[in-house]
């Protein structure tokens, strides 16, 4: 991920800084780590890289905008608004898929959208703290994690998820899908 691409991520996240609050550095670094892993997993055109950066910025945003652990669906409309406001309506389908499928347990296999599977794997690499590497080297994962510290991101997720689990014991992980 280039410095220019990182600046683009920061630009997209800027209007949400207050909403995300104390979690902003952790979420930004999660997005940056995930994007590094995503781009290392396979080729992407410049447009696909931009689509992925936009999707990364919004992929978990519903945690804060809707104050929920069931955040996949609430994360899609803000991304769609951003795309429309920036005359990128042609990207809505792909960006929406990147967000909606990023917690899919099984591989995403639609051959029209290989980017979706790369994005899913990249998020899993970061979510698992590098335990699952999807073929990435230990060194790459270690270096990316060192460059973009966790900043409490995973601890914040555990805290938010714990409260959800207590209120919704029959639906413990609503953001996951087969």
N, C-alpha and C. Protein backbone atom coordinates (compact mmCIF):
# COMPACT_ATOMS: atom_id res chain seq x y z
N UNK A 1 0.86 -1.17 0.00
CA UNK A 1 0.00 0.00 0.00
C UNK A 1 0.90 1.23 0.00
N UNK A 2 0.65 2.12 -0.91
CA UNK A 2 1.48 3.31 -1.03
C UNK A 2 1.07 4.38 -0.02
N UNK A 3 1.95 5.35 0.19
CA UNK A 3 1.61 6.47 1.06
C UNK A 3 0.41 7.25 0.51
N UNK A 4 0.32 7.36 -0.79
CA UNK A 4 -0.81 8.03 -1.44
C UNK A 4 -2.12 7.29 -1.14
N UNK A 5 -2.07 5.96 -1.21
CA UNK A 5 -3.27 5.17 -0.90
C UNK A 5 -3.65 5.28 0.57
N UNK A 6 -2.66 5.34 1.44
CA UNK A 6 -2.92 5.52 2.87
C UNK A 6 -3.57 6.88 3.12
N UNK A 7 -3.10 7.91 2.42
CA UNK A 7 -3.70 9.24 2.54
C UNK A 7 -5.15 9.22 2.05
N UNK A 8 -5.43 8.46 1.00
CA UNK A 8 -6.80 8.32 0.50
C UNK A 8 -7.68 7.66 1.56
N UNK A 9 -7.19 6.61 2.21
CA UNK A 9 -7.92 5.97 3.30
C UNK A 9 -8.22 6.99 4.40
N UNK A 10 -7.22 7.76 4.80
CA UNK A 10 -7.40 8.76 5.85
C UNK A 10 -8.43 9.81 5.45
N UNK A 11 -8.43 10.19 4.19
CA UNK A 11 -9.40 11.18 3.67
C UNK A 11 -10.83 10.64 3.79
N UNK A 12 -11.02 9.38 3.46
CA UNK A 12 -12.36 8.78 3.54
C UNK A 12 -12.81 8.67 5.00
N UNK A 13 -11.89 8.32 5.88
CA UNK A 13 -12.23 8.14 7.29
C UNK A 13 -12.42 9.46 8.04
N UNK A 14 -11.87 10.55 7.53
CA UNK A 14 -11.88 11.83 8.23
C UNK A 14 -13.27 12.25 8.74
N UNK A 15 -14.32 12.17 7.94
CA UNK A 15 -15.63 12.58 8.45
C UNK A 15 -16.19 11.70 9.57
N UNK A 16 -15.59 10.54 9.78
CA UNK A 16 -16.07 9.60 10.79
C UNK A 16 -15.23 9.61 12.07
N UNK A 17 -14.20 10.45 12.10
CA UNK A 17 -13.28 10.45 13.25
C UNK A 17 -14.03 10.65 14.58
N UNK A 18 -14.92 11.60 14.60
CA UNK A 18 -15.65 11.87 15.84
C UNK A 18 -16.60 10.71 16.18
N UNK A 19 -17.25 10.16 15.18
CA UNK A 19 -18.17 9.04 15.40
C UNK A 19 -17.42 7.82 15.94
N UNK A 20 -16.27 7.53 15.36
CA UNK A 20 -15.47 6.37 15.80
C UNK A 20 -14.82 6.66 17.15
N UNK A 21 -14.51 7.91 17.40
CA UNK A 21 -13.99 8.32 18.70
C UNK A 21 -12.66 7.69 19.06
N UNK A 22 -12.57 7.17 20.26
CA UNK A 22 -11.29 6.65 20.77
C UNK A 22 -10.79 5.43 19.99
N UNK A 23 -11.65 4.83 19.18
CA UNK A 23 -11.27 3.66 18.40
C UNK A 23 -10.70 4.03 17.03
N UNK A 24 -10.59 5.31 16.73
CA UNK A 24 -10.24 5.72 15.37
C UNK A 24 -8.86 5.23 14.93
N UNK A 25 -7.86 5.32 15.78
CA UNK A 25 -6.52 4.85 15.38
C UNK A 25 -6.50 3.34 15.18
N UNK A 26 -7.17 2.62 16.07
CA UNK A 26 -7.23 1.18 15.93
C UNK A 26 -7.94 0.76 14.65
N UNK A 27 -9.06 1.42 14.34
CA UNK A 27 -9.81 1.06 13.12
C UNK A 27 -9.02 1.44 11.87
N UNK A 28 -8.41 2.60 11.88
CA UNK A 28 -7.61 3.02 10.73
C UNK A 28 -6.47 2.04 10.49
N UNK A 29 -5.80 1.64 11.55
CA UNK A 29 -4.69 0.70 11.40
C UNK A 29 -5.18 -0.68 10.98
N UNK A 30 -6.34 -1.10 11.46
CA UNK A 30 -6.94 -2.36 11.00
C UNK A 30 -7.17 -2.29 9.50
N UNK A 31 -7.75 -1.20 9.03
CA UNK A 31 -7.99 -1.03 7.58
C UNK A 31 -6.68 -1.06 6.81
N UNK A 32 -5.67 -0.38 7.31
CA UNK A 32 -4.37 -0.34 6.62
C UNK A 32 -3.72 -1.71 6.59
N UNK A 33 -3.76 -2.43 7.71
CA UNK A 33 -3.18 -3.78 7.73
C UNK A 33 -3.92 -4.68 6.74
N UNK A 34 -5.22 -4.62 6.82
CA UNK A 34 -6.04 -5.45 5.94
C UNK A 34 -5.74 -5.16 4.47
N UNK A 35 -5.62 -3.90 4.12
CA UNK A 35 -5.33 -3.53 2.73
C UNK A 35 -3.94 -4.01 2.31
N UNK A 36 -2.97 -3.91 3.18
CA UNK A 36 -1.64 -4.45 2.86
C UNK A 36 -1.74 -5.95 2.55
N UNK A 37 -2.45 -6.66 3.39
CA UNK A 37 -2.61 -8.10 3.17
C UNK A 37 -3.38 -8.37 1.87
N UNK A 38 -4.42 -7.60 1.67
CA UNK A 38 -5.27 -7.75 0.47
C UNK A 38 -4.43 -7.58 -0.80
N UNK A 39 -3.64 -6.53 -0.86
CA UNK A 39 -2.85 -6.27 -2.06
C UNK A 39 -1.71 -7.27 -2.23
N UNK A 40 -1.26 -7.87 -1.13
CA UNK A 40 -0.21 -8.89 -1.21
C UNK A 40 -0.78 -10.24 -1.66
N UNK A 41 -2.08 -10.44 -1.50
CA UNK A 41 -2.69 -11.73 -1.84
C UNK A 41 -2.91 -11.92 -3.34
N UNK A 42 -2.91 -10.85 -4.10
CA UNK A 42 -3.12 -11.02 -5.53
C UNK A 42 -3.14 -9.69 -6.25
N UNK A 43 -3.10 -9.76 -7.56
CA UNK A 43 -3.03 -8.53 -8.34
C UNK A 43 -4.34 -7.74 -8.28
N UNK A 44 -4.22 -6.45 -8.42
CA UNK A 44 -5.38 -5.57 -8.49
C UNK A 44 -5.01 -4.37 -9.36
N UNK A 45 -5.93 -3.98 -10.22
CA UNK A 45 -5.72 -2.80 -11.05
C UNK A 45 -5.79 -1.56 -10.17
N UNK A 46 -5.35 -0.41 -10.66
CA UNK A 46 -5.49 0.82 -9.87
C UNK A 46 -6.94 1.08 -9.43
N UNK A 47 -7.91 0.86 -10.32
CA UNK A 47 -9.31 1.04 -9.93
C UNK A 47 -9.72 0.04 -8.86
N UNK A 48 -9.30 -1.19 -8.98
CA UNK A 48 -9.63 -2.20 -7.97
C UNK A 48 -9.00 -1.85 -6.62
N UNK A 49 -7.83 -1.29 -6.65
CA UNK A 49 -7.18 -0.87 -5.41
C UNK A 49 -7.99 0.24 -4.75
N UNK A 50 -8.46 1.21 -5.55
CA UNK A 50 -9.28 2.30 -5.01
C UNK A 50 -10.60 1.75 -4.45
N UNK A 51 -11.22 0.83 -5.19
CA UNK A 51 -12.46 0.20 -4.71
C UNK A 51 -12.22 -0.46 -3.36
N UNK A 52 -11.12 -1.16 -3.26
CA UNK A 52 -10.79 -1.88 -2.03
C UNK A 52 -10.53 -0.93 -0.88
N UNK A 53 -9.88 0.18 -1.15
CA UNK A 53 -9.62 1.18 -0.09
C UNK A 53 -10.94 1.75 0.41
N UNK A 54 -11.84 2.06 -0.52
CA UNK A 54 -13.16 2.58 -0.13
C UNK A 54 -13.90 1.54 0.70
N UNK A 55 -13.92 0.30 0.22
CA UNK A 55 -14.61 -0.77 0.96
C UNK A 55 -13.99 -0.96 2.34
N UNK A 56 -12.67 -0.93 2.43
CA UNK A 56 -12.01 -1.11 3.72
C UNK A 56 -12.42 -0.01 4.70
N UNK A 57 -12.46 1.21 4.22
CA UNK A 57 -12.83 2.33 5.10
C UNK A 57 -14.21 2.13 5.71
N UNK A 58 -15.11 1.53 4.94
CA UNK A 58 -16.49 1.38 5.40
C UNK A 58 -16.84 -0.01 5.93
N UNK A 59 -15.97 -1.01 5.76
CA UNK A 59 -16.39 -2.39 5.99
C UNK A 59 -16.89 -2.71 7.40
N UNK A 60 -16.41 -2.01 8.40
CA UNK A 60 -16.88 -2.22 9.78
C UNK A 60 -17.51 -0.96 10.38
N UNK A 61 -17.74 0.05 9.59
CA UNK A 61 -18.14 1.36 10.11
C UNK A 61 -19.45 1.32 10.88
N UNK A 62 -20.32 0.35 10.56
CA UNK A 62 -21.59 0.22 11.27
C UNK A 62 -21.44 -0.06 12.76
N UNK A 63 -20.29 -0.55 13.16
CA UNK A 63 -20.03 -0.75 14.60
C UNK A 63 -20.27 0.58 15.32
N UNK A 64 -19.82 1.67 14.72
CA UNK A 64 -19.90 2.98 15.36
C UNK A 64 -21.10 3.78 14.88
N UNK A 65 -21.43 3.74 13.60
CA UNK A 65 -22.55 4.55 13.11
C UNK A 65 -23.88 4.04 13.63
N UNK A 66 -23.99 2.73 13.83
CA UNK A 66 -25.23 2.14 14.33
C UNK A 66 -25.07 1.51 15.71
N UNK A 67 -23.88 1.65 16.28
CA UNK A 67 -23.61 1.15 17.63
C UNK A 67 -24.05 -0.31 17.79
N UNK A 68 -23.53 -1.16 16.90
CA UNK A 68 -23.95 -2.55 16.90
C UNK A 68 -22.81 -3.48 16.49
N UNK A 69 -22.88 -4.71 16.96
CA UNK A 69 -21.96 -5.74 16.52
C UNK A 69 -22.53 -6.41 15.25
N UNK A 70 -23.80 -6.19 14.99
CA UNK A 70 -24.45 -6.67 13.76
C UNK A 70 -24.26 -5.59 12.70
N UNK A 71 -23.02 -5.37 12.31
CA UNK A 71 -22.64 -4.17 11.56
C UNK A 71 -22.50 -4.31 10.06
N UNK A 72 -22.60 -5.50 9.51
CA UNK A 72 -22.37 -5.66 8.07
C UNK A 72 -23.36 -4.83 7.26
N UNK A 73 -24.65 -5.07 7.44
CA UNK A 73 -25.65 -4.33 6.65
C UNK A 73 -25.58 -2.81 6.88
N UNK A 74 -25.45 -2.35 8.13
CA UNK A 74 -25.36 -0.89 8.32
C UNK A 74 -24.08 -0.26 7.75
N UNK A 75 -23.10 -1.07 7.42
CA UNK A 75 -21.85 -0.53 6.86
C UNK A 75 -21.96 -0.26 5.36
N UNK A 76 -22.93 -0.85 4.70
CA UNK A 76 -23.04 -0.72 3.24
C UNK A 76 -23.59 0.65 2.80
N UNK A 77 -24.71 1.16 3.36
CA UNK A 77 -25.23 2.44 2.87
C UNK A 77 -24.25 3.62 2.92
N UNK A 78 -23.44 3.76 3.98
CA UNK A 78 -22.48 4.87 3.95
C UNK A 78 -21.47 4.75 2.80
N UNK A 79 -21.08 3.52 2.48
CA UNK A 79 -20.16 3.31 1.34
C UNK A 79 -20.86 3.68 0.04
N UNK A 80 -22.09 3.26 -0.10
CA UNK A 80 -22.85 3.57 -1.32
C UNK A 80 -23.04 5.08 -1.48
N UNK A 81 -23.32 5.78 -0.38
CA UNK A 81 -23.46 7.25 -0.44
C UNK A 81 -22.15 7.88 -0.88
N UNK A 82 -21.05 7.41 -0.29
CA UNK A 82 -19.74 7.95 -0.67
C UNK A 82 -19.50 7.77 -2.17
N UNK A 83 -19.77 6.58 -2.66
CA UNK A 83 -19.55 6.30 -4.08
C UNK A 83 -20.42 7.21 -4.96
N UNK A 84 -21.68 7.36 -4.60
CA UNK A 84 -22.59 8.22 -5.38
C UNK A 84 -22.13 9.67 -5.34
N UNK A 85 -21.75 10.14 -4.16
CA UNK A 85 -21.30 11.53 -4.02
C UNK A 85 -20.04 11.81 -4.81
N UNK A 86 -19.28 10.77 -5.12
CA UNK A 86 -18.02 10.93 -5.85
C UNK A 86 -18.10 10.38 -7.28
N UNK A 87 -19.33 10.28 -7.79
CA UNK A 87 -19.58 9.85 -9.16
C UNK A 87 -18.92 8.50 -9.48
N UNK A 88 -19.01 7.58 -8.53
CA UNK A 88 -18.45 6.24 -8.69
C UNK A 88 -19.55 5.18 -8.59
N UNK A 89 -20.73 5.50 -9.11
CA UNK A 89 -21.87 4.60 -9.02
C UNK A 89 -21.59 3.23 -9.65
N UNK A 90 -20.73 3.18 -10.65
CA UNK A 90 -20.40 1.90 -11.29
C UNK A 90 -19.70 0.94 -10.33
N UNK A 91 -19.18 1.44 -9.24
CA UNK A 91 -18.45 0.61 -8.28
C UNK A 91 -19.34 0.09 -7.15
N UNK A 92 -20.58 0.54 -7.09
CA UNK A 92 -21.44 0.20 -5.95
C UNK A 92 -21.59 -1.30 -5.76
N UNK A 93 -21.80 -2.05 -6.84
CA UNK A 93 -22.00 -3.49 -6.70
C UNK A 93 -20.77 -4.17 -6.09
N UNK A 94 -19.60 -3.87 -6.63
CA UNK A 94 -18.38 -4.53 -6.15
C UNK A 94 -18.07 -4.12 -4.72
N UNK A 95 -18.12 -2.83 -4.43
CA UNK A 95 -17.81 -2.36 -3.07
C UNK A 95 -18.81 -2.94 -2.07
N UNK A 96 -20.07 -3.01 -2.45
CA UNK A 96 -21.08 -3.60 -1.56
C UNK A 96 -20.78 -5.07 -1.30
N UNK A 97 -20.36 -5.79 -2.33
CA UNK A 97 -19.98 -7.20 -2.15
C UNK A 97 -18.75 -7.35 -1.26
N UNK A 98 -17.77 -6.49 -1.45
CA UNK A 98 -16.57 -6.55 -0.61
C UNK A 98 -16.96 -6.43 0.86
N UNK A 99 -17.87 -5.52 1.14
CA UNK A 99 -18.30 -5.31 2.53
C UNK A 99 -19.19 -6.46 3.00
N UNK A 100 -20.19 -6.81 2.22
CA UNK A 100 -21.18 -7.80 2.68
C UNK A 100 -20.60 -9.19 2.84
N UNK A 101 -19.55 -9.52 2.11
CA UNK A 101 -19.00 -10.88 2.14
C UNK A 101 -17.71 -11.00 2.94
N UNK A 102 -17.26 -9.95 3.58
CA UNK A 102 -15.94 -10.02 4.21
C UNK A 102 -15.89 -10.90 5.45
N UNK A 103 -17.02 -11.29 6.00
CA UNK A 103 -17.02 -12.23 7.14
C UNK A 103 -17.61 -13.58 6.75
N UNK A 104 -17.64 -13.86 5.48
CA UNK A 104 -18.13 -15.15 5.01
C UNK A 104 -17.16 -16.23 5.50
N UNK A 105 -17.69 -17.28 6.05
CA UNK A 105 -16.85 -18.34 6.61
C UNK A 105 -16.22 -19.17 5.49
N UNK A 106 -17.02 -19.51 4.50
CA UNK A 106 -16.51 -20.29 3.37
C UNK A 106 -16.01 -19.34 2.28
N UNK A 107 -15.14 -19.80 1.41
CA UNK A 107 -14.62 -18.94 0.34
C UNK A 107 -15.73 -18.37 -0.54
N UNK A 108 -15.50 -17.17 -1.02
CA UNK A 108 -16.40 -16.54 -1.99
C UNK A 108 -15.93 -17.00 -3.36
N UNK A 109 -16.81 -17.66 -4.11
CA UNK A 109 -16.35 -18.36 -5.31
C UNK A 109 -16.86 -17.80 -6.63
N UNK A 110 -17.59 -16.71 -6.63
CA UNK A 110 -18.08 -16.15 -7.90
C UNK A 110 -16.88 -15.68 -8.71
N UNK A 111 -16.61 -16.32 -9.86
CA UNK A 111 -15.41 -15.98 -10.63
C UNK A 111 -15.42 -14.55 -11.21
N UNK A 112 -16.57 -13.90 -11.20
CA UNK A 112 -16.63 -12.52 -11.69
C UNK A 112 -15.99 -11.54 -10.71
N UNK A 113 -15.84 -11.96 -9.45
CA UNK A 113 -15.38 -11.05 -8.41
C UNK A 113 -14.25 -11.65 -7.57
N UNK A 114 -13.10 -11.91 -8.15
CA UNK A 114 -11.99 -12.48 -7.36
C UNK A 114 -11.52 -11.54 -6.25
N UNK A 115 -11.74 -10.26 -6.42
CA UNK A 115 -11.34 -9.28 -5.41
C UNK A 115 -12.05 -9.54 -4.08
N UNK A 116 -13.28 -10.03 -4.14
CA UNK A 116 -14.06 -10.27 -2.92
C UNK A 116 -13.37 -11.32 -2.04
N UNK A 117 -12.88 -12.39 -2.66
CA UNK A 117 -12.21 -13.43 -1.88
C UNK A 117 -10.89 -12.92 -1.30
N UNK A 118 -10.14 -12.14 -2.05
CA UNK A 118 -8.90 -11.56 -1.52
C UNK A 118 -9.20 -10.68 -0.31
N UNK A 119 -10.24 -9.87 -0.42
CA UNK A 119 -10.63 -8.96 0.66
C UNK A 119 -11.04 -9.76 1.90
N UNK A 120 -11.82 -10.82 1.69
CA UNK A 120 -12.27 -11.68 2.79
C UNK A 120 -11.06 -12.31 3.51
N UNK A 121 -10.13 -12.83 2.73
CA UNK A 121 -8.95 -13.45 3.31
C UNK A 121 -8.10 -12.42 4.06
N UNK A 122 -7.96 -11.25 3.49
CA UNK A 122 -7.14 -10.20 4.12
C UNK A 122 -7.71 -9.81 5.48
N UNK A 123 -9.03 -9.66 5.55
CA UNK A 123 -9.65 -9.31 6.83
C UNK A 123 -9.43 -10.43 7.84
N UNK A 124 -9.51 -11.67 7.39
CA UNK A 124 -9.30 -12.80 8.29
C UNK A 124 -7.86 -12.85 8.80
N UNK A 125 -6.90 -12.52 7.96
CA UNK A 125 -5.51 -12.47 8.41
C UNK A 125 -5.39 -11.48 9.57
N UNK A 126 -5.98 -10.30 9.41
CA UNK A 126 -5.86 -9.31 10.48
C UNK A 126 -6.71 -9.67 11.68
N UNK A 127 -7.94 -10.11 11.44
CA UNK A 127 -8.82 -10.46 12.54
C UNK A 127 -8.20 -11.55 13.41
N UNK A 128 -7.52 -12.50 12.79
CA UNK A 128 -6.90 -13.62 13.52
C UNK A 128 -5.53 -13.24 14.11
N UNK A 129 -5.15 -11.97 13.99
CA UNK A 129 -3.85 -11.50 14.47
C UNK A 129 -2.70 -12.23 13.78
N UNK A 130 -2.93 -12.64 12.54
CA UNK A 130 -1.90 -13.31 11.77
C UNK A 130 -1.80 -14.80 12.01
N UNK A 131 -2.67 -15.35 12.85
CA UNK A 131 -2.68 -16.79 13.07
C UNK A 131 -3.04 -17.51 11.78
N UNK A 132 -4.02 -16.97 11.07
CA UNK A 132 -4.37 -17.46 9.73
C UNK A 132 -3.72 -16.48 8.77
N UNK A 133 -2.85 -16.98 7.89
CA UNK A 133 -2.08 -16.09 7.01
C UNK A 133 -2.47 -16.19 5.54
N UNK A 134 -3.32 -17.13 5.17
CA UNK A 134 -3.79 -17.27 3.78
C UNK A 134 -2.64 -17.29 2.77
N UNK A 135 -1.53 -17.90 3.16
CA UNK A 135 -0.39 -18.02 2.25
C UNK A 135 0.60 -16.88 2.34
N UNK A 136 0.32 -15.86 3.12
CA UNK A 136 1.26 -14.75 3.29
C UNK A 136 2.38 -15.19 4.23
N UNK A 137 3.54 -14.62 4.04
CA UNK A 137 4.68 -15.00 4.87
C UNK A 137 4.54 -14.45 6.29
N UNK A 138 5.15 -15.15 7.21
CA UNK A 138 5.20 -14.71 8.60
C UNK A 138 5.84 -13.33 8.67
N UNK A 139 6.89 -13.13 7.88
CA UNK A 139 7.62 -11.85 7.90
C UNK A 139 6.73 -10.69 7.44
N UNK A 140 5.99 -10.91 6.37
CA UNK A 140 5.11 -9.84 5.88
C UNK A 140 4.08 -9.48 6.93
N UNK A 141 3.43 -10.48 7.49
CA UNK A 141 2.40 -10.22 8.50
C UNK A 141 3.01 -9.51 9.70
N UNK A 142 4.17 -9.96 10.15
CA UNK A 142 4.85 -9.33 11.29
C UNK A 142 5.20 -7.88 10.98
N UNK A 143 5.74 -7.61 9.79
CA UNK A 143 6.16 -6.26 9.42
C UNK A 143 4.97 -5.30 9.32
N UNK A 144 3.88 -5.77 8.73
CA UNK A 144 2.69 -4.93 8.60
C UNK A 144 2.10 -4.64 9.97
N UNK A 145 2.05 -5.66 10.82
CA UNK A 145 1.52 -5.46 12.18
C UNK A 145 2.40 -4.51 12.99
N UNK A 146 3.70 -4.53 12.73
CA UNK A 146 4.60 -3.61 13.44
C UNK A 146 4.41 -2.18 12.94
N UNK A 147 4.21 -2.03 11.65
CA UNK A 147 4.05 -0.68 11.07
C UNK A 147 2.73 -0.04 11.48
N UNK A 148 1.69 -0.86 11.64
CA UNK A 148 0.36 -0.35 11.98
C UNK A 148 -0.11 -1.05 13.25
N UNK A 149 0.26 -0.52 14.41
CA UNK A 149 -0.05 -1.18 15.68
C UNK A 149 -1.56 -1.35 15.90
N UNK A 150 -1.89 -2.33 16.68
CA UNK A 150 -3.28 -2.67 16.94
C UNK A 150 -4.06 -1.52 17.57
N UNK A 151 -3.44 -0.75 18.42
CA UNK A 151 -4.04 0.42 19.06
C UNK A 151 -5.38 0.10 19.71
N UNK A 152 -5.48 -1.09 20.29
CA UNK A 152 -6.69 -1.46 21.02
C UNK A 152 -7.85 -1.93 20.16
N UNK A 153 -7.63 -2.12 18.86
CA UNK A 153 -8.74 -2.49 17.98
C UNK A 153 -9.38 -3.81 18.39
N UNK A 154 -8.60 -4.85 18.55
CA UNK A 154 -9.16 -6.16 18.89
C UNK A 154 -9.78 -6.16 20.29
N UNK A 155 -9.16 -5.49 21.23
CA UNK A 155 -9.73 -5.40 22.58
C UNK A 155 -11.07 -4.69 22.55
N UNK A 156 -11.17 -3.65 21.74
CA UNK A 156 -12.44 -2.95 21.60
C UNK A 156 -13.52 -3.83 21.00
N UNK A 157 -13.13 -4.66 20.03
CA UNK A 157 -14.10 -5.59 19.44
C UNK A 157 -14.59 -6.60 20.48
N UNK A 158 -13.67 -7.11 21.27
CA UNK A 158 -14.06 -8.08 22.31
C UNK A 158 -15.02 -7.43 23.30
N UNK A 159 -14.73 -6.21 23.69
CA UNK A 159 -15.60 -5.50 24.64
C UNK A 159 -17.00 -5.30 24.05
N UNK A 160 -17.07 -4.83 22.82
CA UNK A 160 -18.36 -4.61 22.17
C UNK A 160 -19.11 -5.93 21.96
N UNK A 161 -18.37 -6.96 21.54
CA UNK A 161 -18.99 -8.26 21.29
C UNK A 161 -19.50 -8.89 22.58
N UNK A 162 -18.79 -8.72 23.67
CA UNK A 162 -19.21 -9.29 24.94
C UNK A 162 -20.58 -8.75 25.36
N UNK A 163 -20.75 -7.46 25.22
CA UNK A 163 -22.05 -6.85 25.55
C UNK A 163 -23.14 -7.40 24.64
N UNK A 164 -22.84 -7.57 23.36
CA UNK A 164 -23.82 -8.13 22.41
C UNK A 164 -24.19 -9.56 22.81
N UNK A 165 -23.18 -10.38 23.09
CA UNK A 165 -23.42 -11.78 23.41
C UNK A 165 -24.33 -11.92 24.64
N UNK A 166 -24.14 -11.06 25.63
CA UNK A 166 -24.97 -11.13 26.83
C UNK A 166 -26.43 -10.79 26.51
N UNK A 167 -26.64 -9.84 25.60
CA UNK A 167 -28.01 -9.45 25.23
C UNK A 167 -28.63 -10.38 24.20
N UNK A 168 -27.79 -11.07 23.41
CA UNK A 168 -28.27 -11.89 22.30
C UNK A 168 -27.63 -13.27 22.31
N UNK A 169 -27.85 -14.07 23.35
CA UNK A 169 -27.14 -15.35 23.46
C UNK A 169 -27.47 -16.34 22.35
N UNK A 170 -28.61 -16.19 21.70
CA UNK A 170 -28.98 -17.11 20.63
C UNK A 170 -28.46 -16.66 19.27
N UNK A 171 -27.88 -15.49 19.21
CA UNK A 171 -27.32 -14.96 17.97
C UNK A 171 -25.94 -14.39 18.29
N UNK A 172 -24.99 -15.23 18.69
CA UNK A 172 -23.72 -14.75 19.24
C UNK A 172 -22.80 -14.05 18.25
N UNK A 173 -22.89 -14.34 16.96
CA UNK A 173 -21.99 -13.72 15.99
C UNK A 173 -22.79 -13.32 14.74
N UNK A 174 -23.59 -12.26 14.85
CA UNK A 174 -24.49 -11.91 13.75
C UNK A 174 -23.77 -11.45 12.49
N UNK A 175 -22.52 -11.06 12.62
CA UNK A 175 -21.79 -10.55 11.46
C UNK A 175 -21.20 -11.66 10.60
N UNK A 176 -21.28 -12.89 11.07
CA UNK A 176 -20.73 -14.02 10.32
C UNK A 176 -21.80 -14.59 9.40
N UNK A 177 -21.37 -15.12 8.27
CA UNK A 177 -22.30 -15.77 7.35
C UNK A 177 -21.62 -16.94 6.67
N UNK A 178 -22.39 -17.90 6.26
CA UNK A 178 -21.84 -19.06 5.58
C UNK A 178 -21.44 -18.68 4.19
